[in-house]
Amino acid sequence: LSAETLSADRLTAAMAIDGAPVLALTSWRAQTLKARAY
């Protein structure tokens, strides 16, 4: 799902899936957030 157009209802539904959810970001955005881009 696009993070930009994500709705609360769809977030709830996605989190109910047993699939280890992640937020995929580019390395440029990760760098700003001090997140590791492995």
PDB file of all heavy atoms in Angstrom:
ATOM      1  N   LEU A   1       0.854  -1.185   0.000  1.00  0.00           N
ATOM      2  CA  LEU A   1       0.000   0.000   0.000  1.00  0.00           C
ATOM      3  C   LEU A   1       0.889   1.233   0.000  1.00  0.00           C
ATOM      4  O   LEU A   1       1.953   1.235   0.622  1.00  0.00           O
ATOM      5  CB  LEU A   1      -0.897   0.038   1.244  1.00  0.00           C
ATOM      6  CG  LEU A   1      -2.061  -0.943   1.312  1.00  0.00           C
ATOM      7  CD1 LEU A   1      -2.166  -1.539   2.697  1.00  0.00           C
ATOM      8  CD2 LEU A   1      -3.346  -0.214   0.954  1.00  0.00           C
ATOM      9  N   SER A   2       0.459   2.277  -0.686  1.00  0.00           N
ATOM     10  CA  SER A   2       1.176   3.543  -0.617  1.00  0.00           C
ATOM     11  C   SER A   2       1.001   4.148   0.767  1.00  0.00           C
ATOM     12  O   SER A   2      -0.122   4.246   1.279  1.00  0.00           O
ATOM     13  CB  SER A   2       0.623   4.507  -1.670  1.00  0.00           C
ATOM     14  OG  SER A   2       0.936   5.842  -1.345  1.00  0.00           O
ATOM     15  N   ALA A   3       2.104   4.558   1.380  1.00  0.00           N
ATOM     16  CA  ALA A   3       2.009   5.208   2.688  1.00  0.00           C
ATOM     17  C   ALA A   3       1.244   6.521   2.588  1.00  0.00           C
ATOM     18  O   ALA A   3       0.526   6.907   3.518  1.00  0.00           O
ATOM     19  CB  ALA A   3       3.408   5.450   3.251  1.00  0.00           C
ATOM     20  N   GLU A   4       1.379   7.199   1.457  1.00  0.00           N
ATOM     21  CA  GLU A   4       0.721   8.499   1.292  1.00  0.00           C
ATOM     22  C   GLU A   4      -0.789   8.384   1.260  1.00  0.00           C
ATOM     23  O   GLU A   4      -1.505   9.200   1.847  1.00  0.00           O
ATOM     24  CB  GLU A   4       1.215   9.178   0.012  1.00  0.00           C
ATOM     25  CG  GLU A   4       0.561  10.509  -0.260  1.00  0.00           C
ATOM     26  CD  GLU A   4       1.072  11.188  -1.516  1.00  0.00           C
ATOM     27  OE1 GLU A   4       2.179  10.840  -1.973  1.00  0.00           O
ATOM     28  OE2 GLU A   4       0.363  12.079  -2.048  1.00  0.00           O
ATOM     29  N   THR A   5      -1.320   7.368   0.575  1.00  0.00           N
ATOM     30  CA  THR A   5      -2.768   7.237   0.411  1.00  0.00           C
ATOM     31  C   THR A   5      -3.369   6.205   1.366  1.00  0.00           C
ATOM     32  O   THR A   5      -4.547   5.857   1.248  1.00  0.00           O
ATOM     33  CB  THR A   5      -3.114   6.850  -1.035  1.00  0.00           C
ATOM     34  OG1 THR A   5      -2.425   5.642  -1.390  1.00  0.00           O
ATOM     35  CG2 THR A   5      -2.694   7.957  -1.998  1.00  0.00           C
ATOM     36  N   LEU A   6      -2.580   5.724   2.298  1.00  0.00           N
ATOM     37  CA  LEU A   6      -3.041   4.722   3.262  1.00  0.00           C
ATOM     38  C   LEU A   6      -4.147   5.297   4.149  1.00  0.00           C
ATOM     39  O   LEU A   6      -4.067   6.445   4.590  1.00  0.00           O
ATOM     40  CB  LEU A   6      -1.855   4.292   4.134  1.00  0.00           C
ATOM     41  CG  LEU A   6      -2.090   3.232   5.201  1.00  0.00           C
ATOM     42  CD1 LEU A   6      -2.467   1.896   4.567  1.00  0.00           C
ATOM     43  CD2 LEU A   6      -0.837   3.079   6.068  1.00  0.00           C
ATOM     44  N   SER A   7      -5.174   4.494   4.399  1.00  0.00           N
ATOM     45  CA  SER A   7      -6.263   4.902   5.299  1.00  0.00           C
ATOM     46  C   SER A   7      -6.165   4.125   6.599  1.00  0.00           C
ATOM     47  O   SER A   7      -5.507   3.074   6.674  1.00  0.00           O
ATOM     48  CB  SER A   7      -7.627   4.647   4.651  1.00  0.00           C
ATOM     49  OG  SER A   7      -7.855   3.240   4.517  1.00  0.00           O
ATOM     50  N   ALA A   8      -6.836   4.622   7.619  1.00  0.00           N
ATOM     51  CA  ALA A   8      -6.818   3.955   8.917  1.00  0.00           C
ATOM     52  C   ALA A   8      -7.421   2.555   8.821  1.00  0.00           C
ATOM     53  O   ALA A   8      -6.903   1.605   9.424  1.00  0.00           O
ATOM     54  CB  ALA A   8      -7.568   4.799   9.948  1.00  0.00           C
ATOM     55  N   ASP A   9      -8.508   2.408   8.086  1.00  0.00           N
ATOM     56  CA  ASP A   9      -9.150   1.097   7.957  1.00  0.00           C
ATOM     57  C   ASP A   9      -8.232   0.096   7.270  1.00  0.00           C
ATOM     58  O   ASP A   9      -8.120  -1.062   7.698  1.00  0.00           O
ATOM     59  CB  ASP A   9     -10.461   1.215   7.171  1.00  0.00           C
ATOM     60  CG  ASP A   9     -11.549   1.912   7.970  1.00  0.00           C
ATOM     61  OD1 ASP A   9     -11.399   2.029   9.208  1.00  0.00           O
ATOM     62  OD2 ASP A   9     -12.541   2.345   7.356  1.00  0.00           O
ATOM     63  N   ARG A  10      -7.569   0.536   6.211  1.00  0.00           N
ATOM     64  CA  ARG A  10      -6.692  -0.388   5.491  1.00  0.00           C
ATOM     65  C   ARG A  10      -5.433  -0.688   6.304  1.00  0.00           C
ATOM     66  O   ARG A  10      -4.861  -1.771   6.195  1.00  0.00           O
ATOM     67  CB  ARG A  10      -6.351   0.177   4.113  1.00  0.00           C
ATOM     68  CG  ARG A  10      -7.573   0.061   3.156  1.00  0.00           C
ATOM     69  CD  ARG A  10      -7.141  -0.410   1.776  1.00  0.00           C
ATOM     70  NE  ARG A  10      -8.265  -0.927   1.010  1.00  0.00           N
ATOM     71  CZ  ARG A  10      -9.019  -0.222   0.178  1.00  0.00           C
ATOM     72  NH1 ARG A  10      -8.794   1.065   0.035  1.00  0.00           N
ATOM     73  NH2 ARG A  10      -9.997  -0.796  -0.504  1.00  0.00           N
ATOM     74  N   LEU A  11      -4.987   0.255   7.099  1.00  0.00           N
ATOM     75  CA  LEU A  11      -3.855  -0.024   7.982  1.00  0.00           C
ATOM     76  C   LEU A  11      -4.230  -1.115   8.975  1.00  0.00           C
ATOM     77  O   LEU A  11      -3.467  -2.062   9.199  1.00  0.00           O
ATOM     78  CB  LEU A  11      -3.433   1.241   8.726  1.00  0.00           C
ATOM     79  CG  LEU A  11      -2.379   1.050   9.816  1.00  0.00           C
ATOM     80  CD1 LEU A  11      -1.089   0.455   9.250  1.00  0.00           C
ATOM     81  CD2 LEU A  11      -2.094   2.372  10.529  1.00  0.00           C
ATOM     82  N   THR A  12      -5.424  -0.996   9.555  1.00  0.00           N
ATOM     83  CA  THR A  12      -5.882  -2.013  10.506  1.00  0.00           C
ATOM     84  C   THR A  12      -5.954  -3.381   9.843  1.00  0.00           C
ATOM     85  O   THR A  12      -5.516  -4.391  10.401  1.00  0.00           O
ATOM     86  CB  THR A  12      -7.265  -1.634  11.067  1.00  0.00           C
ATOM     87  OG1 THR A  12      -7.166  -0.377  11.751  1.00  0.00           O
ATOM     88  CG2 THR A  12      -7.779  -2.691  12.031  1.00  0.00           C
ATOM     89  N   ALA A  13      -6.481  -3.430   8.621  1.00  0.00           N
ATOM     90  CA  ALA A  13      -6.599  -4.699   7.909  1.00  0.00           C
ATOM     91  C   ALA A  13      -5.224  -5.265   7.567  1.00  0.00           C
ATOM     92  O   ALA A  13      -4.991  -6.477   7.683  1.00  0.00           O
ATOM     93  CB  ALA A  13      -7.422  -4.504   6.633  1.00  0.00           C
ATOM     94  N   ALA A  14      -4.300  -4.406   7.172  1.00  0.00           N
ATOM     95  CA  ALA A  14      -2.958  -4.876   6.823  1.00  0.00           C
ATOM     96  C   ALA A  14      -2.218  -5.398   8.045  1.00  0.00           C
ATOM     97  O   ALA A  14      -1.503  -6.406   7.970  1.00  0.00           O
ATOM     98  CB  ALA A  14      -2.161  -3.743   6.174  1.00  0.00           C
ATOM     99  N   MET A  15      -2.400  -4.736   9.170  1.00  0.00           N
ATOM    100  CA  MET A  15      -1.717  -5.161  10.393  1.00  0.00           C
ATOM    101  C   MET A  15      -2.281  -6.466  10.938  1.00  0.00           C
ATOM    102  O   MET A  15      -1.614  -7.156  11.714  1.00  0.00           O
ATOM    103  CB  MET A  15      -1.811  -4.068  11.458  1.00  0.00           C
ATOM    104  CG  MET A  15      -1.089  -2.766  11.086  1.00  0.00           C
ATOM    105  SD  MET A  15       0.687  -2.982  10.842  1.00  0.00           S
ATOM    106  CE  MET A  15       1.222  -3.219  12.528  1.00  0.00           C
ATOM    107  N   ALA A  16      -3.513  -6.811  10.527  1.00  0.00           N
ATOM    108  CA  ALA A  16      -4.129  -8.063  10.986  1.00  0.00           C
ATOM    109  C   ALA A  16      -3.570  -9.271  10.237  1.00  0.00           C
ATOM    110  O   ALA A  16      -3.765 -10.413  10.659  1.00  0.00           O
ATOM    111  CB  ALA A  16      -5.646  -7.994  10.805  1.00  0.00           C
ATOM    112  N   ILE A  17      -2.875  -9.023   9.119  1.00  0.00           N
ATOM    113  CA  ILE A  17      -2.256 -10.121   8.370  1.00  0.00           C
ATOM    114  C   ILE A  17      -0.970 -10.524   9.082  1.00  0.00           C
ATOM    115  O   ILE A  17      -0.156  -9.681   9.442  1.00  0.00           O
ATOM    116  CB  ILE A  17      -1.936  -9.692   6.918  1.00  0.00           C
ATOM    117  CG1 ILE A  17      -3.229  -9.292   6.194  1.00  0.00           C
ATOM    118  CG2 ILE A  17      -1.226 -10.801   6.160  1.00  0.00           C
ATOM    119  CD1 ILE A  17      -2.987  -8.643   4.843  1.00  0.00           C
ATOM    120  N   ASP A  18      -0.782 -11.793   9.259  1.00  0.00           N
ATOM    121  CA  ASP A  18       0.418 -12.272   9.942  1.00  0.00           C
ATOM    122  C   ASP A  18       1.573 -12.327   8.951  1.00  0.00           C
ATOM    123  O   ASP A  18       1.991 -13.384   8.491  1.00  0.00           O
ATOM    124  CB  ASP A  18       0.159 -13.666  10.541  1.00  0.00           C
ATOM    125  CG  ASP A  18       1.342 -14.149  11.373  1.00  0.00           C
ATOM    126  OD1 ASP A  18       2.173 -13.297  11.764  1.00  0.00           O
ATOM    127  OD2 ASP A  18       1.434 -15.361  11.615  1.00  0.00           O
ATOM    128  N   GLY A  19       2.098 -11.124   8.615  1.00  0.00           N
ATOM    129  CA  GLY A  19       3.102 -11.081   7.567  1.00  0.00           C
ATOM    130  C   GLY A  19       4.279 -10.181   7.850  1.00  0.00           C
ATOM    131  O   GLY A  19       4.957  -9.739   6.928  1.00  0.00           O
ATOM    132  N   ALA A  20       4.544  -9.871   9.124  1.00  0.00           N
ATOM    133  CA  ALA A  20       5.692  -9.044   9.509  1.00  0.00           C
ATOM    134  C   ALA A  20       5.746  -7.756   8.699  1.00  0.00           C
ATOM    135  O   ALA A  20       6.632  -7.565   7.854  1.00  0.00           O
ATOM    136  CB  ALA A  20       6.989  -9.831   9.362  1.00  0.00           C
ATOM    137  N   PRO A  21       4.792  -6.835   8.895  1.00  0.00           N
ATOM    138  CA  PRO A  21       4.727  -5.625   8.067  1.00  0.00           C
ATOM    139  C   PRO A  21       5.945  -4.723   8.231  1.00  0.00           C
ATOM    140  O   PRO A  21       6.499  -4.590   9.318  1.00  0.00           O
ATOM    141  CB  PRO A  21       3.457  -4.930   8.563  1.00  0.00           C
ATOM    142  CG  PRO A  21       3.282  -5.415   9.971  1.00  0.00           C
ATOM    143  CD  PRO A  21       3.772  -6.822   9.964  1.00  0.00           C
ATOM    144  N   VAL A  22       6.355  -4.108   7.115  1.00  0.00           N
ATOM    145  CA  VAL A  22       7.460  -3.154   7.128  1.00  0.00           C
ATOM    146  C   VAL A  22       7.053  -1.926   6.330  1.00  0.00           C
ATOM    147  O   VAL A  22       6.129  -1.976   5.502  1.00  0.00           O
ATOM    148  CB  VAL A  22       8.751  -3.750   6.521  1.00  0.00           C
ATOM    149  CG1 VAL A  22       9.213  -4.968   7.309  1.00  0.00           C
ATOM    150  CG2 VAL A  22       8.561  -4.094   5.050  1.00  0.00           C
ATOM    151  N   LEU A  23       7.746  -0.831   6.583  1.00  0.00           N
ATOM    152  CA  LEU A  23       7.601   0.356   5.754  1.00  0.00           C
ATOM    153  C   LEU A  23       8.848   0.444   4.891  1.00  0.00           C
ATOM    154  O   LEU A  23       9.962   0.596   5.399  1.00  0.00           O
ATOM    155  CB  LEU A  23       7.452   1.623   6.598  1.00  0.00           C
ATOM    156  CG  LEU A  23       7.181   2.901   5.806  1.00  0.00           C
ATOM    157  CD1 LEU A  23       5.836   2.811   5.093  1.00  0.00           C
ATOM    158  CD2 LEU A  23       7.223   4.129   6.704  1.00  0.00           C
ATOM    159  N   ALA A  24       8.666   0.298   3.582  1.00  0.00           N
ATOM    160  CA  ALA A  24       9.785   0.350   2.645  1.00  0.00           C
ATOM    161  C   ALA A  24      10.035   1.803   2.261  1.00  0.00           C
ATOM    162  O   ALA A  24       9.122   2.513   1.828  1.00  0.00           O
ATOM    163  CB  ALA A  24       9.484  -0.479   1.405  1.00  0.00           C
ATOM    164  N   LEU A  25      11.274   2.249   2.453  1.00  0.00           N
ATOM    165  CA  LEU A  25      11.676   3.620   2.175  1.00  0.00           C
ATOM    166  C   LEU A  25      12.928   3.618   1.309  1.00  0.00           C
ATOM    167  O   LEU A  25      13.699   2.655   1.333  1.00  0.00           O
ATOM    168  CB  LEU A  25      11.984   4.370   3.479  1.00  0.00           C
ATOM    169  CG  LEU A  25      10.879   4.453   4.527  1.00  0.00           C
ATOM    170  CD1 LEU A  25      11.461   4.918   5.859  1.00  0.00           C
ATOM    171  CD2 LEU A  25       9.783   5.412   4.067  1.00  0.00           C
ATOM    172  N   THR A  26      13.163   4.701   0.586  1.00  0.00           N
ATOM    173  CA  THR A  26      14.417   4.804  -0.149  1.00  0.00           C
ATOM    174  C   THR A  26      15.556   5.091   0.824  1.00  0.00           C
ATOM    175  O   THR A  26      15.342   5.549   1.950  1.00  0.00           O
ATOM    176  CB  THR A  26      14.371   5.932  -1.191  1.00  0.00           C
ATOM    177  OG1 THR A  26      14.313   7.201  -0.521  1.00  0.00           O
ATOM    178  CG2 THR A  26      13.166   5.780  -2.111  1.00  0.00           C
ATOM    179  N   SER A  27      16.775   4.846   0.383  1.00  0.00           N
ATOM    180  CA  SER A  27      17.930   5.088   1.250  1.00  0.00           C
ATOM    181  C   SER A  27      18.073   6.567   1.594  1.00  0.00           C
ATOM    182  O   SER A  27      18.550   6.912   2.675  1.00  0.00           O
ATOM    183  CB  SER A  27      19.213   4.578   0.593  1.00  0.00           C
ATOM    184  OG  SER A  27      19.414   5.185  -0.670  1.00  0.00           O
ATOM    185  N   TRP A  28      17.632   7.465   0.687  1.00  0.00           N
ATOM    186  CA  TRP A  28      17.690   8.898   0.986  1.00  0.00           C
ATOM    187  C   TRP A  28      16.784   9.248   2.151  1.00  0.00           C
ATOM    188  O   TRP A  28      17.191   9.979   3.066  1.00  0.00           O
ATOM    189  CB  TRP A  28      17.286   9.714  -0.242  1.00  0.00           C
ATOM    190  CG  TRP A  28      18.341   9.828  -1.295  1.00  0.00           C
ATOM    191  CD1 TRP A  28      18.262   9.391  -2.592  1.00  0.00           C
ATOM    192  CD2 TRP A  28      19.651  10.405  -1.162  1.00  0.00           C
ATOM    193  NE1 TRP A  28      19.424   9.668  -3.269  1.00  0.00           N
ATOM    194  CE2 TRP A  28      20.299  10.292  -2.417  1.00  0.00           C
ATOM    195  CE3 TRP A  28      20.340  11.013  -0.104  1.00  0.00           C
ATOM    196  CZ2 TRP A  28      21.587  10.768  -2.648  1.00  0.00           C
ATOM    197  CZ3 TRP A  28      21.623  11.475  -0.334  1.00  0.00           C
ATOM    198  CH2 TRP A  28      22.240  11.350  -1.588  1.00  0.00           C
ATOM    199  N   ARG A  29      15.569   8.729   2.140  1.00  0.00           N
ATOM    200  CA  ARG A  29      14.648   9.015   3.247  1.00  0.00           C
ATOM    201  C   ARG A  29      15.132   8.337   4.526  1.00  0.00           C
ATOM    202  O   ARG A  29      15.059   8.908   5.614  1.00  0.00           O
ATOM    203  CB  ARG A  29      13.234   8.532   2.882  1.00  0.00           C
ATOM    204  CG  ARG A  29      12.171   8.855   3.952  1.00  0.00           C
ATOM    205  CD  ARG A  29      12.015  10.337   4.165  1.00  0.00           C
ATOM    206  NE  ARG A  29      11.099  10.654   5.257  1.00  0.00           N
ATOM    207  CZ  ARG A  29      11.249  11.683   6.085  1.00  0.00           C
ATOM    208  NH1 ARG A  29      12.290  12.496   5.959  1.00  0.00           N
ATOM    209  NH2 ARG A  29      10.374  11.904   7.037  1.00  0.00           N
ATOM    210  N   ALA A  30      15.643   7.122   4.395  1.00  0.00           N
ATOM    211  CA  ALA A  30      16.171   6.406   5.563  1.00  0.00           C
ATOM    212  C   ALA A  30      17.325   7.177   6.192  1.00  0.00           C
ATOM    213  O   ALA A  30      17.461   7.228   7.423  1.00  0.00           O
ATOM    214  CB  ALA A  30      16.619   5.010   5.154  1.00  0.00           C
ATOM    215  N   GLN A  31      18.163   7.770   5.371  1.00  0.00           N
ATOM    216  CA  GLN A  31      19.292   8.546   5.876  1.00  0.00           C
ATOM    217  C   GLN A  31      18.809   9.705   6.732  1.00  0.00           C
ATOM    218  O   GLN A  31      19.370   9.982   7.807  1.00  0.00           O
ATOM    219  CB  GLN A  31      20.121   9.063   4.698  1.00  0.00           C
ATOM    220  CG  GLN A  31      21.332   9.885   5.067  1.00  0.00           C
ATOM    221  CD  GLN A  31      22.117  10.312   3.830  1.00  0.00           C
ATOM    222  OE1 GLN A  31      22.413   9.501   2.957  1.00  0.00           O
ATOM    223  NE2 GLN A  31      22.442  11.595   3.741  1.00  0.00           N
ATOM    224  N   THR A  32      17.763  10.390   6.282  1.00  0.00           N
ATOM    225  CA  THR A  32      17.194  11.496   7.052  1.00  0.00           C
ATOM    226  C   THR A  32      16.660  11.006   8.392  1.00  0.00           C
ATOM    227  O   THR A  32      16.798  11.677   9.420  1.00  0.00           O
ATOM    228  CB  THR A  32      16.065  12.175   6.266  1.00  0.00           C
ATOM    229  OG1 THR A  32      16.607  12.731   5.061  1.00  0.00           O
ATOM    230  CG2 THR A  32      15.404  13.278   7.069  1.00  0.00           C
ATOM    231  N   LEU A  33      16.040   9.814   8.389  1.00  0.00           N
ATOM    232  CA  LEU A  33      15.421   9.269   9.604  1.00  0.00           C
ATOM    233  C   LEU A  33      16.420   8.515  10.481  1.00  0.00           C
ATOM    234  O   LEU A  33      16.031   7.995  11.529  1.00  0.00           O
ATOM    235  CB  LEU A  33      14.287   8.314   9.210  1.00  0.00           C
ATOM    236  CG  LEU A  33      13.095   8.953   8.483  1.00  0.00           C
ATOM    237  CD1 LEU A  33      12.190   7.878   7.905  1.00  0.00           C
ATOM    238  CD2 LEU A  33      12.319   9.873   9.426  1.00  0.00           C
ATOM    239  N   LYS A  34      17.672   8.440  10.056  1.00  0.00           N
ATOM    240  CA  LYS A  34      18.708   7.695  10.790  1.00  0.00           C
ATOM    241  C   LYS A  34      18.347   6.214  10.902  1.00  0.00           C
ATOM    242  O   LYS A  34      18.591   5.569  11.917  1.00  0.00           O
ATOM    243  CB  LYS A  34      18.921   8.295  12.194  1.00  0.00           C
ATOM    244  CG  LYS A  34      19.289   9.773  12.189  1.00  0.00           C
ATOM    245  CD  LYS A  34      20.629   9.994  11.520  1.00  0.00           C
ATOM    246  CE  LYS A  34      21.120  11.427  11.688  1.00  0.00           C
ATOM    247  NZ  LYS A  34      20.320  12.407  10.923  1.00  0.00           N
ATOM    248  N   ALA A  35      17.743   5.697   9.823  1.00  0.00           N
ATOM    249  CA  ALA A  35      17.394   4.272   9.762  1.00  0.00           C
ATOM    250  C   ALA A  35      18.401   3.562   8.870  1.00  0.00           C
ATOM    251  O   ALA A  35      18.860   4.122   7.871  1.00  0.00           O
ATOM    252  CB  ALA A  35      15.978   4.085   9.219  1.00  0.00           C
ATOM    253  N   ARG A  36      18.747   2.344   9.198  1.00  0.00           N
ATOM    254  CA  ARG A  36      19.722   1.580   8.428  1.00  0.00           C
ATOM    255  C   ARG A  36      19.119   1.110   7.105  1.00  0.00           C
ATOM    256  O   ARG A  36      18.043   0.521   7.085  1.00  0.00           O
ATOM    257  CB  ARG A  36      20.172   0.359   9.225  1.00  0.00           C
ATOM    258  CG  ARG A  36      20.917   0.700  10.499  1.00  0.00           C
ATOM    259  CD  ARG A  36      22.382   0.892  10.233  1.00  0.00           C
ATOM    260  NE  ARG A  36      23.143   1.013  11.465  1.00  0.00           N
ATOM    261  CZ  ARG A  36      24.466   1.066  11.514  1.00  0.00           C
ATOM    262  NH1 ARG A  36      25.163   0.977  10.394  1.00  0.00           N
ATOM    263  NH2 ARG A  36      25.103   1.194  12.666  1.00  0.00           N
ATOM    264  N   ALA A  37      19.843   1.348   6.012  1.00  0.00           N
ATOM    265  CA  ALA A  37      19.420   0.863   4.700  1.00  0.00           C
ATOM    266  C   ALA A  37      20.281  -0.352   4.351  1.00  0.00           C
ATOM    267  O   ALA A  37      21.222  -0.265   3.567  1.00  0.00           O
ATOM    268  CB  ALA A  37      19.562   1.953   3.649  1.00  0.00           C
ATOM    269  N   TYR A  38      19.935  -1.492   4.944  1.00  0.00           N
ATOM    270  CA  TYR A  38      20.732  -2.702   4.723  1.00  0.00           C
ATOM    271  C   TYR A  38      20.657  -3.197   3.286  1.00  0.00           C
ATOM    272  O   TYR A  38      21.527  -3.946   2.837  1.00  0.00           O
ATOM    273  CB  TYR A  38      20.276  -3.812   5.677  1.00  0.00           C
ATOM    274  CG  TYR A  38      20.616  -3.550   7.124  1.00  0.00           C
ATOM    275  CD1 TYR A  38      19.609  -3.401   8.079  1.00  0.00           C
ATOM    276  CD2 TYR A  38      21.938  -3.454   7.542  1.00  0.00           C
ATOM    277  CE1 TYR A  38      19.923  -3.171   9.410  1.00  0.00           C
ATOM    278  CE2 TYR A  38      22.252  -3.217   8.878  1.00  0.00           C
ATOM    279  CZ  TYR A  38      21.241  -3.075   9.802  1.00  0.00           C
ATOM    280  OH  TYR A  38      21.555  -2.849  11.124  1.00  0.00           O
TER     281      TYR A  38
END
